[in-house]
């Protein structure tokens, strides 16, 4: 019986901490300071390979910082959101199956940003929509 009570307390604490973190991130993206949104980035050239990191929302130019070391990637200034789609079966091997893929285009080529649904609105707000030509 005591195990059930302890498990319930631990689960409640974990849910509270996660929701607090999401609220803080949402408040941070509306403020003036840049905030990092966790996502995975892939260049659409050849066979795309997703790398984990954070998209710095609220900074100019739009920058992606890798989480496993390496150099920051400054995304092209003309980056435009073209489509949002679910993860394919092949991509689900390396990306969370719940994630959404934000497809973007620029003069440098295609870019793919994999982001969880909770963070999708922050990424879409940072990347400008494509204009109809």
Protein backbone atom coordinates (compact mmCIF):
# COMPACT_ATOMS: atom_id res chain seq x y z
CA UNK A 1 0.00 0.00 0.00
CA UNK A 2 2.79 2.42 0.87
CA UNK A 3 4.37 1.73 -2.54
CA UNK A 4 1.23 2.91 -4.30
CA UNK A 5 1.12 6.11 -2.28
CA UNK A 6 4.81 6.82 -2.95
CA UNK A 7 4.38 6.12 -6.67
CA UNK A 8 1.39 8.48 -6.84
CA UNK A 9 3.34 11.23 -5.07
CA UNK A 10 6.34 10.83 -7.38
CA UNK A 11 4.13 10.88 -10.49
CA UNK A 12 2.26 13.97 -9.29
CA UNK A 13 5.56 15.75 -8.61
CA UNK A 14 6.90 14.84 -12.07
CA UNK A 15 3.76 16.11 -13.82
CA UNK A 16 3.85 19.34 -11.81
CA UNK A 17 7.53 19.96 -12.68
CA UNK A 18 6.97 19.27 -16.39
CA UNK A 19 3.97 21.58 -16.61
CA UNK A 20 5.89 24.29 -14.76
CA UNK A 21 8.75 24.00 -17.26
CA UNK A 22 6.35 24.26 -20.23
CA UNK A 23 4.66 27.34 -18.71
CA UNK A 24 8.04 29.01 -18.16
CA UNK A 25 9.09 28.32 -21.76
CA UNK A 26 5.81 29.73 -23.08
CA UNK A 27 6.24 32.86 -20.98
CA UNK A 28 9.85 33.19 -22.12
CA UNK A 29 9.03 33.12 -25.82
CA UNK A 30 6.59 36.00 -25.44
CA UNK A 31 9.16 38.09 -23.59
CA UNK A 32 11.87 40.17 -25.25
CA UNK A 33 14.73 37.73 -24.56
CA UNK A 34 15.56 34.84 -26.93
CA UNK A 35 14.41 31.38 -25.83
CA UNK A 36 15.61 27.97 -27.00
CA UNK A 37 12.92 25.59 -28.27
CA UNK A 38 14.00 21.92 -28.29
CA UNK A 39 13.85 20.45 -31.78
CA UNK A 40 15.81 18.48 -34.35
CA UNK A 41 17.19 20.05 -37.53
CA UNK A 42 18.04 18.48 -40.87
CA UNK A 43 19.17 19.98 -44.12
CA UNK A 44 17.03 18.66 -46.97
CA UNK A 45 20.05 18.08 -49.20
CA UNK A 46 20.50 14.42 -50.10
CA UNK A 47 19.30 12.10 -47.34
CA UNK A 48 18.40 14.31 -44.38
CA UNK A 49 19.89 13.45 -41.00
CA UNK A 50 18.22 14.97 -37.95
CA UNK A 51 20.46 16.40 -35.22
CA UNK A 52 19.15 17.37 -31.75
CA UNK A 53 19.41 20.93 -30.49
CA UNK A 54 17.51 24.12 -29.73
CA UNK A 55 16.06 26.70 -32.08
CA UNK A 56 16.72 30.15 -30.62
CA UNK A 57 13.38 31.91 -30.98
CA UNK A 58 13.31 35.69 -30.63
CA UNK A 59 16.77 36.34 -32.05
CA UNK A 60 17.70 37.78 -35.40
CA UNK A 61 18.97 35.95 -37.43
CA UNK A 62 17.27 32.66 -36.55
CA UNK A 63 19.87 30.34 -35.01
CA UNK A 64 19.96 26.66 -34.10
CA UNK A 65 22.30 25.48 -31.31
CA UNK A 66 23.28 21.79 -31.29
CA UNK A 67 22.94 19.97 -27.98
CA UNK A 68 25.86 17.60 -28.53
CA UNK A 69 28.57 20.14 -29.32
CA UNK A 70 29.51 21.57 -32.64
CA UNK A 71 28.94 24.97 -34.16
CA UNK A 72 25.76 26.99 -34.13
CA UNK A 73 23.85 27.01 -37.42
CA UNK A 74 22.57 30.36 -38.62
CA UNK A 75 19.51 29.63 -40.72
CA UNK A 76 19.08 31.55 -43.98
CA UNK A 77 17.37 34.92 -43.75
CA UNK A 78 14.90 33.96 -46.50
CA UNK A 79 13.81 30.76 -44.70
CA UNK A 80 10.05 30.29 -45.23
CA UNK A 81 7.62 27.69 -43.84
CA UNK A 82 6.10 25.70 -46.70
CA UNK A 83 4.37 22.75 -44.98
CA UNK A 84 3.81 20.89 -41.72
CA UNK A 85 3.45 17.12 -41.75
CA UNK A 86 3.67 14.10 -39.44
CA UNK A 87 6.82 12.00 -39.21
CA UNK A 88 7.23 9.28 -41.85
CA UNK A 89 8.00 5.67 -40.89
CA UNK A 90 11.62 6.06 -41.97
CA UNK A 91 12.06 9.28 -39.96
CA UNK A 92 10.42 7.73 -36.88
CA UNK A 93 13.54 5.63 -36.33
CA UNK A 94 15.56 8.70 -35.29
CA UNK A 95 12.81 11.18 -34.38
CA UNK A 96 10.01 10.96 -31.82
CA UNK A 97 6.98 9.50 -33.64
CA UNK A 98 4.73 12.17 -32.06
CA UNK A 99 6.81 14.96 -33.62
CA UNK A 100 5.70 17.18 -36.48
CA UNK A 101 8.03 18.06 -39.34
CA UNK A 102 8.10 21.73 -40.33
CA UNK A 103 9.28 21.90 -43.94
CA UNK A 104 11.02 25.14 -44.87
CA UNK A 105 12.52 26.42 -48.10
CA UNK A 106 15.24 28.96 -48.84
CA UNK A 107 17.70 29.79 -51.59
CA UNK A 108 20.18 27.42 -49.88
CA UNK A 109 17.73 24.52 -50.22
CA UNK A 110 15.18 22.73 -48.06
CA UNK A 111 15.35 22.56 -44.25
CA UNK A 112 13.41 20.22 -41.96
CA UNK A 113 12.66 20.99 -38.32
CA UNK A 114 11.25 18.17 -36.16
CA UNK A 115 9.39 19.51 -33.14
CA UNK A 116 6.94 18.09 -30.60
CA UNK A 117 3.33 19.34 -30.83
CA UNK A 118 3.70 21.29 -27.55
CA UNK A 119 6.43 23.47 -29.14
CA UNK A 120 5.04 23.66 -32.69
CA UNK A 121 3.45 27.11 -32.34
CA UNK A 122 6.77 28.62 -31.15
CA UNK A 123 8.61 27.33 -34.22
CA UNK A 124 5.85 28.41 -36.62
CA UNK A 125 5.92 31.86 -35.03
CA UNK A 126 9.67 32.15 -35.57
CA UNK A 127 9.70 31.02 -39.23
CA UNK A 128 7.84 33.27 -41.63
CA UNK A 129 5.20 31.69 -43.88
CA UNK A 130 5.92 31.23 -47.58
CA UNK A 131 4.25 33.72 -49.91
CA UNK A 132 2.35 32.52 -52.93
CA UNK A 133 4.22 33.39 -56.10
